[in-house]
C-alpha cells in the first residue's frame, strides 16, 4: 500500500479523539525510538510530550519489548477471576513504591476506568453518593469521569451523572478569588471548600478527588498547605481522598507519584499512562488497608474482562524495572530543574510568556498579551483568538511534537531525554514564540 492510500483510508474510516472529523489530516506515524517518532514519509520528530504524557521510558525500550515477547509466548490472557504470577509480582512492585499503606491494586484498561472504579469503591465504602472535584481538573471521558471533570470537555456530556459537585482549587497565577499572592489570600480556596462541604452536608460526600498537579488546564501546582488541608478535611468528615495520578504518576513530576510533593497520603490513587509507559493499555486503582478490609467483608462488585491482562502486567513489571535500573525518577527531578531554568530564560526573553511552571519533567508555558495585567492571549476555549493551531504548525514543521492549547504550551518529554536534546527542543519553542510575540506587539 502507498502512503497516499494510507492517508485516504485514514480519512475515510478512522475516528479521532476530541476533534471535528476530517477537519485536518493528522501526521501518520510509522515507527519510534527513544525520544523520536518518524512519520510514513520518514520525517523525524522529537516527541516532547511523551505521546500523551505516557511514553515515560521512551519508545522501543528493548527490556520491555523482550518481556512482552516472552509473556506472549507463555500466556497472553486468562479470565480475570484467575491469578497469574505476573499479576502478583506487579501488585507487589506497585506496593513497594506507593506512599503509606496503599498496597491493594485493582487493574483496569486505562485512566478513565481507574477513576470510575475509584468512585464506585469510595461510594460503596462510605455508603454515600456525592463526589467533589475541582474546576479545571480532568479525570477522563467515560460517564462518571467526565461528570467530575471541570473543563469544557464535560459540556457535551451534560447532564452529568448525579452527585458531582465542584470547587475552585488554587491557581495562584490567576487566583479565582482575586488575590495577588499566596500570603495575601490565606488559603481562601481551602476556606471556601470547607464552607461548601459544610453546606452540602459532609456526611453525604463520599470522596474528594484531586489531581495533585492539575494537568491539561495549565499545570497548576497547588500550595502544599492546600493539599494538606484537603487531607485534614477528609479525615474530619470520613470522606475518601482520591489522588488522580494518571498524568502525574510514575516519575513525571520527579517523584514516583505527584502527591508525594505535598507530604500527604491519600486513601486511593488512580493511575495509568506511565504504569506501562503505554506499551500496552493498563490502569490501576490502588487503595489503603481500611478500604481493603471493607471489601474483605463486602464484595467489590466491579469487573472488567481485561482486568490484570497478563501481557499488560508483564509490560508494567518490565517498565518499573526500567524506572529503577535507569534511576529515571531521580533523573526527572534533576533534569526538571534544568528544564525549568530554560523556561525561565524563555519568560525573560519573550513578551508573550507570562508564566512558566514545572514539576520534574512536566512543564507549562502560559501565554499572555500583557505580562503586567496577565491578559490571556487566546482566552478560555480560545475565546479571543486561536494561537495554538499556528504554534503547533510551526513546531511540527521544525520537527517537534507537543501539546499546545488555548494559552498553554505543555512540555512532558520521555524521562530518558538528555540535556542537549532538551536544549534542541527549547530552541524550537524559542523560535515558534516569535509568532505570539508579534501578536503582543500589535495589541
Protein backbone atom coordinates (compact mmCIF):
# COMPACT_ATOMS: atom_id res chain seq x y z
CA UNK A 1 0.00 0.00 0.00
CA UNK A 2 1.17 3.52 -0.77
CA UNK A 3 1.36 6.45 1.64
CA UNK A 4 -1.47 8.12 -0.25
CA UNK A 5 -3.65 5.03 0.21
CA UNK A 6 -2.90 5.08 3.94
CA UNK A 7 -3.92 8.74 4.17
CA UNK A 8 -7.09 8.12 2.19
CA UNK A 9 -8.13 5.12 4.30
CA UNK A 10 -7.37 7.11 7.43
CA UNK A 11 -9.58 9.95 6.23
CA UNK A 12 -12.44 7.67 5.18
CA UNK A 13 -12.57 5.24 8.08
CA UNK A 14 -10.74 6.49 11.22
CA UNK A 15 -12.46 8.40 14.01
CA UNK A 16 -10.21 10.58 16.19
CA UNK A 17 -10.50 11.89 19.75
CA UNK A 18 -11.69 15.37 20.67
CA UNK A 19 -11.99 16.85 17.18
CA UNK A 20 -14.29 17.54 14.27
CA UNK A 21 -13.72 14.58 11.97
CA UNK A 22 -11.91 15.13 8.65
CA UNK A 23 -11.16 18.73 9.63
CA UNK A 24 -7.41 18.14 9.44
CA UNK A 25 -5.07 15.46 8.14
CA UNK A 26 -3.14 14.03 11.09
CA UNK A 27 0.51 13.12 10.85
CA UNK A 28 0.66 9.37 10.36
CA UNK A 29 3.50 7.88 12.37
CA UNK A 30 5.26 4.72 11.28
CA UNK A 31 7.87 3.98 13.92
CA UNK A 32 9.55 5.40 17.01
CA UNK A 33 12.74 5.01 19.01
CA UNK A 34 13.91 6.74 22.17
CA UNK A 35 12.55 10.30 22.14
CA UNK A 36 11.96 10.29 18.38
CA UNK A 37 8.95 9.49 16.20
CA UNK A 38 9.08 9.01 12.41
CA UNK A 39 6.18 9.54 10.04
CA UNK A 40 5.41 7.49 6.93
CA UNK A 41 7.43 9.93 4.83
CA UNK A 42 10.50 9.37 7.00
CA UNK A 43 10.47 12.76 8.77
CA UNK A 44 11.79 12.68 12.34
CA UNK A 45 10.12 14.45 15.26
CA UNK A 46 11.22 14.98 18.84
CA UNK A 47 8.37 13.65 20.97
CA UNK A 48 8.29 16.45 23.55
CA UNK A 49 5.04 15.32 25.15
CA UNK A 50 5.68 11.56 25.55
CA UNK A 51 2.76 10.70 23.31
CA UNK A 52 0.08 11.90 25.71
CA UNK A 53 2.25 12.16 28.84
CA UNK A 54 2.68 8.42 28.83
CA UNK A 55 5.79 7.17 26.99
CA UNK A 56 7.84 7.86 30.11
CA UNK A 57 10.71 5.44 29.38
CA UNK A 58 10.85 6.38 25.71
CA UNK A 59 9.88 4.46 22.61
CA UNK A 60 11.13 0.99 21.76
CA UNK A 61 12.76 0.02 25.05
CA UNK A 62 14.28 -3.42 24.46
CA UNK A 63 13.84 -4.65 28.04
CA UNK A 64 10.09 -4.04 27.93
CA UNK A 65 9.69 -5.43 24.42
CA UNK A 66 11.59 -8.59 25.33
CA UNK A 67 9.44 -9.07 28.43
CA UNK A 68 6.30 -8.68 26.35
CA UNK A 69 7.51 -11.19 23.77
CA UNK A 70 8.35 -13.71 26.49
CA UNK A 71 4.92 -13.28 28.09
CA UNK A 72 3.18 -13.68 24.73
CA UNK A 73 4.94 -17.00 24.24
CA UNK A 74 3.79 -18.16 27.68
CA UNK A 75 0.36 -16.67 28.40
CA UNK A 76 -1.37 -13.60 26.95
CA UNK A 77 -4.68 -13.75 28.75
CA UNK A 78 -6.77 -15.62 31.27
CA UNK A 79 -10.13 -14.65 32.72
CA UNK A 80 -9.89 -12.00 35.39
CA UNK A 81 -11.14 -14.48 38.01
CA UNK A 82 -7.76 -16.27 37.77
CA UNK A 83 -4.46 -15.15 39.22
CA UNK A 84 -1.15 -15.08 37.34
CA UNK A 85 2.43 -14.91 38.51
CA UNK A 86 3.00 -11.66 36.65
CA UNK A 87 -0.09 -10.06 38.23
CA UNK A 88 1.10 -10.96 41.73
CA UNK A 89 4.59 -9.66 41.00
CA UNK A 90 3.27 -6.39 39.62
CA UNK A 91 1.00 -5.78 42.61
CA UNK A 92 3.95 -6.37 44.93
CA UNK A 93 6.15 -3.98 42.93
CA UNK A 94 3.47 -1.28 42.97
CA UNK A 95 3.05 -1.64 46.74
CA UNK A 96 6.78 -1.01 47.16
CA UNK A 97 6.67 2.42 45.50
CA UNK A 98 3.28 3.79 46.58
CA UNK A 99 3.10 6.01 49.68
CA UNK A 100 1.74 4.83 53.02
CA UNK A 101 -0.39 1.70 53.11
CA UNK A 102 -1.64 1.97 49.53
CA UNK A 103 -0.90 -1.69 48.91
CA UNK A 104 -4.01 -3.11 47.23
CA UNK A 105 -4.46 -2.97 43.45
CA UNK A 106 -7.40 -3.41 41.09
CA UNK A 107 -6.41 -3.28 37.42
CA UNK A 108 -8.33 -1.50 34.67
CA UNK A 109 -7.68 -0.83 30.99
CA UNK A 110 -6.82 2.84 31.38
CA UNK A 111 -7.12 6.02 33.40
CA UNK A 112 -10.82 6.80 32.97
CA UNK A 113 -11.76 3.26 34.02
CA UNK A 114 -9.48 3.60 37.03
CA UNK A 115 -11.34 6.76 38.05
CA UNK A 116 -14.73 5.11 37.50
CA UNK A 117 -13.81 2.22 39.79
CA UNK A 118 -12.29 4.53 42.38
CA UNK A 119 -15.57 6.45 42.54
CA UNK A 120 -17.54 3.23 42.94
CA UNK A 121 -15.18 2.00 45.65
CA UNK A 122 -15.49 5.28 47.56
CA UNK A 123 -19.28 5.22 47.34
CA UNK A 124 -19.54 1.60 48.44
CA UNK A 125 -17.02 2.08 51.24
CA UNK A 126 -18.74 5.16 52.69
CA UNK A 127 -22.35 4.44 51.75
CA UNK A 128 -22.53 7.98 50.36
CA UNK A 129 -23.07 9.25 46.81
CA UNK A 130 -21.58 12.71 46.23
CA UNK A 131 -18.15 13.30 44.69
CA UNK A 132 -16.36 16.64 44.90
CA UNK A 133 -13.78 17.63 42.28
CA UNK A 134 -12.03 20.78 41.12
CA UNK A 135 -12.93 23.16 38.34
CA UNK A 136 -10.23 22.90 35.65
CA UNK A 137 -9.48 19.28 36.59
CA UNK A 138 -9.68 16.46 34.07
CA UNK A 139 -10.43 12.86 35.03
CA UNK A 140 -11.41 11.02 31.85
CA UNK A 141 -14.07 10.76 29.16
CA UNK A 142 -16.31 7.96 30.48
CA UNK A 143 -19.68 8.87 32.01
CA UNK A 144 -18.66 9.22 35.66
CA UNK A 145 -15.17 10.57 34.99
CA UNK A 146 -16.38 13.27 32.61
CA UNK A 147 -19.07 14.30 35.11
CA UNK A 148 -16.42 15.15 37.70
CA UNK A 149 -14.21 16.83 35.09
CA UNK A 150 -14.03 20.60 35.45
CA UNK A 151 -13.01 21.66 31.94
CA UNK A 152 -15.06 22.21 28.75
CA UNK A 153 -14.79 18.61 27.61
CA UNK A 154 -17.58 18.00 30.12
CA UNK A 155 -20.04 20.29 28.32
CA UNK A 156 -21.22 17.93 25.54
CA UNK A 157 -21.65 15.12 28.10
CA UNK A 158 -24.07 17.03 30.31
CA UNK A 159 -26.37 16.46 32.12
CA UNK A 160 -23.80 14.89 34.40
CA UNK A 161 -24.05 11.74 36.46
CA UNK A 162 -25.87 12.75 39.70
CA UNK A 163 -23.81 13.66 42.74
CA UNK A 164 -20.95 15.55 41.05
CA UNK A 165 -20.00 18.74 42.90
CA UNK A 166 -17.25 21.24 42.01
CA UNK A 167 -14.93 23.60 43.87
CA UNK A 168 -12.27 26.13 42.90
CA UNK A 169 -8.79 24.81 43.60
CA UNK A 170 -5.71 27.02 43.77
CA UNK A 171 -4.48 28.79 40.63
CA UNK A 172 -2.11 31.26 42.19
CA UNK A 173 -1.13 32.95 38.91
CA UNK A 174 -4.82 33.70 38.34
CA UNK A 175 -6.42 33.45 41.78
CA UNK A 176 -10.15 32.70 41.36
CA UNK A 177 -10.81 34.97 44.36
CA UNK A 178 -8.80 37.92 43.07
CA UNK A 179 -5.85 37.82 45.47
CA UNK A 180 -2.38 38.82 44.26
CA UNK A 181 -0.25 36.31 46.15
CA UNK A 182 -0.42 33.27 48.44
CA UNK A 183 0.36 35.24 51.61
CA UNK A 184 -2.49 37.65 50.98
CA UNK A 185 -5.14 35.02 50.24
CA UNK A 186 -4.69 32.94 53.42
CA UNK A 187 -5.79 29.80 51.53
CA UNK A 188 -9.17 31.30 50.61
CA UNK A 189 -9.81 28.41 48.22
CA UNK A 190 -9.49 25.95 51.11
CA UNK A 191 -11.77 28.02 53.34
CA UNK A 192 -14.41 28.16 50.61
CA UNK A 193 -14.14 24.39 50.09
CA UNK A 194 -14.67 23.84 53.81
CA UNK A 195 -17.78 26.02 53.67
CA UNK A 196 -19.07 24.15 50.62
CA UNK A 197 -18.64 20.82 52.37
CA UNK A 198 -20.43 22.13 55.47
CA UNK A 199 -23.39 23.44 53.46
CA UNK A 200 -23.51 20.40 51.16
CA UNK A 201 -23.59 18.07 54.15
CA UNK A 202 -20.27 16.36 54.92
CA UNK A 203 -22.00 13.05 55.67
CA UNK A 204 -23.34 12.98 52.10
CA UNK A 205 -19.94 13.27 50.39
CA UNK A 206 -18.18 10.01 49.52
CA UNK A 207 -14.94 11.42 48.10
CA UNK A 208 -12.93 14.46 47.17
CA UNK A 209 -10.82 13.73 44.10
CA UNK A 210 -7.92 15.95 43.09
CA UNK A 211 -5.16 15.97 40.55
CA UNK A 212 -2.15 16.66 42.78
CA UNK A 213 -0.93 18.83 39.92
CA UNK A 214 -3.70 19.96 37.59
CA UNK A 215 -2.63 18.86 34.13
CA UNK A 216 -4.39 19.91 30.95
CA UNK A 217 -5.68 23.23 32.30
CA UNK A 218 -2.21 24.67 32.72
CA UNK A 219 -0.04 22.55 35.01
CA UNK A 220 -1.35 24.25 38.14
CA UNK A 221 0.77 23.37 41.18
CA UNK A 222 -1.16 23.95 44.41
CA UNK A 223 0.44 25.17 47.64
CA UNK A 224 1.33 22.32 49.98
CA UNK A 225 -0.96 23.81 52.64
CA UNK A 226 -3.97 23.39 50.37
CA UNK A 227 -3.39 19.68 49.75
CA UNK A 228 -2.72 19.11 53.45
CA UNK A 229 -5.94 20.98 54.22
CA UNK A 230 -7.93 18.73 51.88
CA UNK A 231 -6.47 15.69 53.64
CA UNK A 232 -7.49 17.09 57.03
CA UNK A 233 -10.97 17.98 55.77
CA UNK A 234 -11.44 14.41 54.53
CA UNK A 235 -10.18 12.95 57.81
CA UNK A 236 -12.52 15.09 59.89
CA UNK A 237 -15.58 14.10 57.88
CA UNK A 238 -14.97 10.48 56.89
CA UNK A 239 -14.51 11.45 53.23
CA UNK A 240 -12.29 9.36 50.95
CA UNK A 241 -9.41 11.35 49.43
CA UNK A 242 -8.55 10.26 45.88
CA UNK A 243 -5.37 11.38 44.11
CA UNK A 244 -5.73 11.10 40.33
CA UNK A 245 -2.18 10.25 39.23
CA UNK A 246 -2.96 9.21 35.66
CA UNK A 247 -0.74 12.02 34.36
CA UNK A 248 1.29 12.94 37.44
CA UNK A 249 2.44 9.45 38.41
CA UNK A 250 5.45 7.31 37.55
CA UNK A 251 8.22 9.88 37.69
CA UNK A 252 6.62 12.55 35.58
CA UNK A 253 6.84 15.04 38.48
CA UNK A 254 10.21 13.90 39.81
CA UNK A 255 8.59 11.55 42.35
CA UNK A 256 7.00 8.16 41.92
CA UNK A 257 3.65 9.91 42.45
CA UNK A 258 2.77 13.59 42.37
CA UNK A 259 1.06 13.54 45.76
CA UNK A 260 4.44 12.87 47.39
CA UNK A 261 5.39 16.51 46.80
CA UNK A 262 2.80 17.50 49.41
CA UNK A 263 3.65 15.08 52.25
CA UNK A 264 0.14 13.64 52.11
CA UNK A 265 -1.09 10.06 51.73
CA UNK A 266 -4.47 9.72 50.01
CA UNK A 267 -6.88 6.84 50.53
CA UNK A 268 -6.95 5.91 46.85
CA UNK A 269 -4.63 6.52 43.90
CA UNK A 270 -5.76 6.18 40.30
CA UNK A 271 -3.11 5.67 37.67
CA UNK A 272 -2.42 4.52 34.09
CA UNK A 273 -0.21 6.06 31.33
CA UNK A 274 3.27 5.71 32.89
CA UNK A 275 2.34 2.42 34.55
CA UNK A 276 3.30 0.67 31.32
CA UNK A 277 4.66 3.74 29.51
CA UNK A 278 1.76 2.98 27.14
CA UNK A 279 3.44 -0.06 25.63
CA UNK A 280 0.15 -1.83 26.43
CA UNK A 281 -3.02 -0.23 27.87
CA UNK A 282 -3.25 -0.67 31.65
CA UNK A 283 -4.67 1.33 34.51
CA UNK A 284 -4.95 0.73 38.24
CA UNK A 285 -6.89 1.72 41.33
CA UNK A 286 -4.73 1.46 44.44
CA UNK A 287 -6.34 1.71 47.86
CA UNK A 288 -5.40 1.53 51.53
CA UNK A 289 -5.91 -1.11 54.22
CA UNK A 290 -9.16 0.34 55.58
CA UNK A 291 -10.83 0.13 52.20
CA UNK A 292 -9.34 -3.32 51.56
CA UNK A 293 -10.68 -4.52 54.92
CA UNK A 294 -14.14 -3.31 53.91
CA UNK A 295 -14.04 -5.27 50.67
CA UNK A 296 -12.92 -8.36 52.55
CA UNK A 297 -16.30 -8.22 54.31
CA UNK A 298 -18.41 -6.87 51.44
CA UNK A 299 -17.81 -7.87 47.80
CA UNK A 300 -16.17 -5.39 45.46
CA UNK A 301 -18.71 -5.64 42.65
CA UNK A 302 -16.60 -4.20 39.88
CA UNK A 303 -15.26 -6.19 36.98
CA UNK A 304 -13.60 -5.94 33.57
CA UNK A 305 -12.91 -8.65 31.01
CA UNK A 306 -9.34 -7.44 30.56
CA UNK A 307 -8.58 -6.62 34.20
CA UNK A 308 -4.98 -7.63 35.00
CA UNK A 309 -4.35 -8.70 31.40
CA UNK A 310 -1.21 -10.83 31.59
CA UNK A 311 0.58 -9.15 28.67
CA UNK A 312 -0.09 -5.70 30.12
CA UNK A 313 1.11 -6.80 33.56
CA UNK A 314 4.35 -8.12 32.04
CA UNK A 315 4.91 -4.80 30.30
CA UNK A 316 4.31 -2.93 33.57
CA UNK A 317 6.73 -5.14 35.53
CA UNK A 318 9.48 -4.55 32.98
CA UNK A 319 8.63 -0.85 32.80
CA UNK A 320 9.03 -0.41 36.56
CA UNK A 321 12.32 -2.30 36.35
CA UNK A 322 13.50 0.27 33.78
CA UNK A 323 12.48 3.16 36.06
CA UNK A 324 14.60 1.67 38.83
CA UNK A 325 17.59 0.46 36.81
CA UNK A 326 17.99 3.76 34.96
CA UNK A 327 17.15 5.93 38.01
CA UNK A 328 14.54 7.75 35.94
CA UNK A 329 12.59 9.12 38.91
CA UNK A 330 15.67 10.90 40.27
CA UNK A 331 16.68 11.92 36.75
CA UNK A 332 13.28 13.51 36.19
CA UNK A 333 13.72 15.69 39.28
CA UNK A 334 17.23 16.83 38.33
CA UNK A 335 16.56 17.36 34.64
CA UNK A 336 13.30 19.05 35.55
CA UNK A 337 15.27 21.74 37.37
CA UNK A 338 17.43 22.14 34.25
CA UNK A 339 14.33 22.40 32.05
CA UNK A 340 12.85 24.93 34.47
CA UNK A 341 15.86 27.22 34.11
CA UNK A 342 15.50 27.09 30.34
CA UNK A 343 11.85 28.06 30.68
CA UNK A 344 12.73 30.99 32.92
CA UNK A 345 15.04 32.21 30.15
CA UNK A 346 12.17 31.98 27.67
CA UNK A 347 9.99 34.00 30.03
CA UNK A 348 12.66 36.68 30.31
CA UNK A 349 13.17 36.87 26.55
CA UNK A 350 9.60 36.75 25.25
CA UNK A 351 6.91 39.37 25.95
CA UNK A 352 4.20 36.76 25.23
CA UNK A 353 5.33 34.42 28.03
CA UNK A 354 3.51 35.34 31.22
CA UNK A 355 4.36 32.41 33.46
CA UNK A 356 6.25 29.12 33.43
CA UNK A 357 5.52 26.23 35.78
CA UNK A 358 7.10 22.82 36.22
CA UNK A 359 7.49 19.78 38.44
CA UNK A 360 10.06 17.27 37.29
CA UNK A 361 9.92 16.79 33.53
CA UNK A 362 6.42 18.21 33.28
CA UNK A 363 6.09 21.87 32.42
CA UNK A 364 3.81 24.52 31.01
CA UNK A 365 4.31 27.90 29.35
CA UNK A 366 1.36 30.27 29.85
CA UNK A 367 0.99 32.89 27.12
CA UNK A 368 -0.33 36.42 27.65
CA UNK A 369 -0.98 39.65 25.78
CA UNK A 370 0.40 41.69 28.65
CA UNK A 371 2.71 40.48 31.42
CA UNK A 372 1.56 43.11 33.90
CA UNK A 373 -2.20 42.67 33.50
CA UNK A 374 -1.84 38.94 32.69
CA UNK A 375 -4.41 39.36 29.92
CA UNK A 376 -4.62 35.99 28.14
CA UNK A 377 -3.50 35.86 24.54
CA UNK A 378 -6.08 33.27 23.45
CA UNK A 379 -8.57 33.18 26.30
CA UNK A 380 -10.58 30.33 27.76
CA UNK A 381 -11.53 27.91 24.96
CA UNK A 382 -9.85 30.32 22.51
CA UNK A 383 -12.47 32.99 23.24
CA UNK A 384 -10.23 35.75 21.84
CA UNK A 385 -8.16 34.01 19.17
CA UNK A 386 -6.60 30.64 18.39
CA UNK A 387 -2.82 30.75 18.68
CA UNK A 388 -2.17 27.08 19.42
CA UNK A 389 -3.02 25.98 15.87
CA UNK A 390 -0.27 28.13 14.38
CA UNK A 391 2.18 27.29 17.17
CA UNK A 392 1.65 23.57 16.61
CA UNK A 393 2.03 24.04 12.86
CA UNK A 394 5.36 25.85 13.25
CA UNK A 395 6.72 23.36 15.75
CA UNK A 396 5.74 20.37 13.62
CA UNK A 397 7.46 21.95 10.63
CA UNK A 398 10.63 22.18 12.73
CA UNK A 399 10.28 18.55 13.85
CA UNK A 400 8.83 18.92 17.35
CA UNK A 401 5.56 17.41 18.59
CA UNK A 402 3.96 18.58 21.81
CA UNK A 403 0.58 19.59 23.18
CA UNK A 404 -0.49 23.23 22.90
CA UNK A 405 -4.00 24.58 23.50
CA UNK A 406 -5.57 27.92 24.40
CA UNK A 407 -2.91 29.92 26.31
CA UNK A 408 -0.75 26.91 27.14
CA UNK A 409 2.24 25.07 25.72
CA UNK A 410 2.72 21.78 27.55
CA UNK A 411 6.08 20.02 27.81
CA UNK A 412 6.48 16.43 29.00
CA UNK A 413 9.34 14.63 27.26
CA UNK A 414 10.28 11.00 27.87
CA UNK A 415 12.25 10.78 31.10
CA UNK A 416 15.25 9.41 29.17
CA UNK A 417 15.77 12.72 27.36
CA UNK A 418 19.27 14.23 27.53
CA UNK A 419 20.05 17.86 28.31
CA UNK A 420 21.35 18.55 24.77
CA UNK A 421 18.04 17.19 23.46
CA UNK A 422 16.17 19.50 25.86
CA UNK A 423 18.23 22.40 24.51
CA UNK A 424 17.37 21.44 20.93
CA UNK A 425 13.64 21.32 21.66
CA UNK A 426 13.65 24.56 23.66
CA UNK A 427 15.41 26.29 20.75
CA UNK A 428 12.48 25.30 18.52
CA UNK A 429 9.95 26.65 21.02
CA UNK A 430 12.03 29.82 21.30
CA UNK A 431 11.73 30.26 17.54
CA UNK A 432 7.99 29.49 17.46
CA UNK A 433 7.28 32.09 20.16
CA UNK A 434 8.23 34.81 17.68
CA UNK A 435 4.67 34.35 16.39
CA UNK A 436 3.00 35.14 19.72
CA UNK A 437 5.47 37.96 20.40
CA UNK A 438 4.31 39.60 17.16
CA UNK A 439 0.71 39.44 18.38
CA UNK A 440 1.72 41.19 21.60
CA UNK A 441 3.42 43.98 19.63
CA UNK A 442 0.24 44.61 17.62
CA UNK A 443 -2.15 44.71 20.59
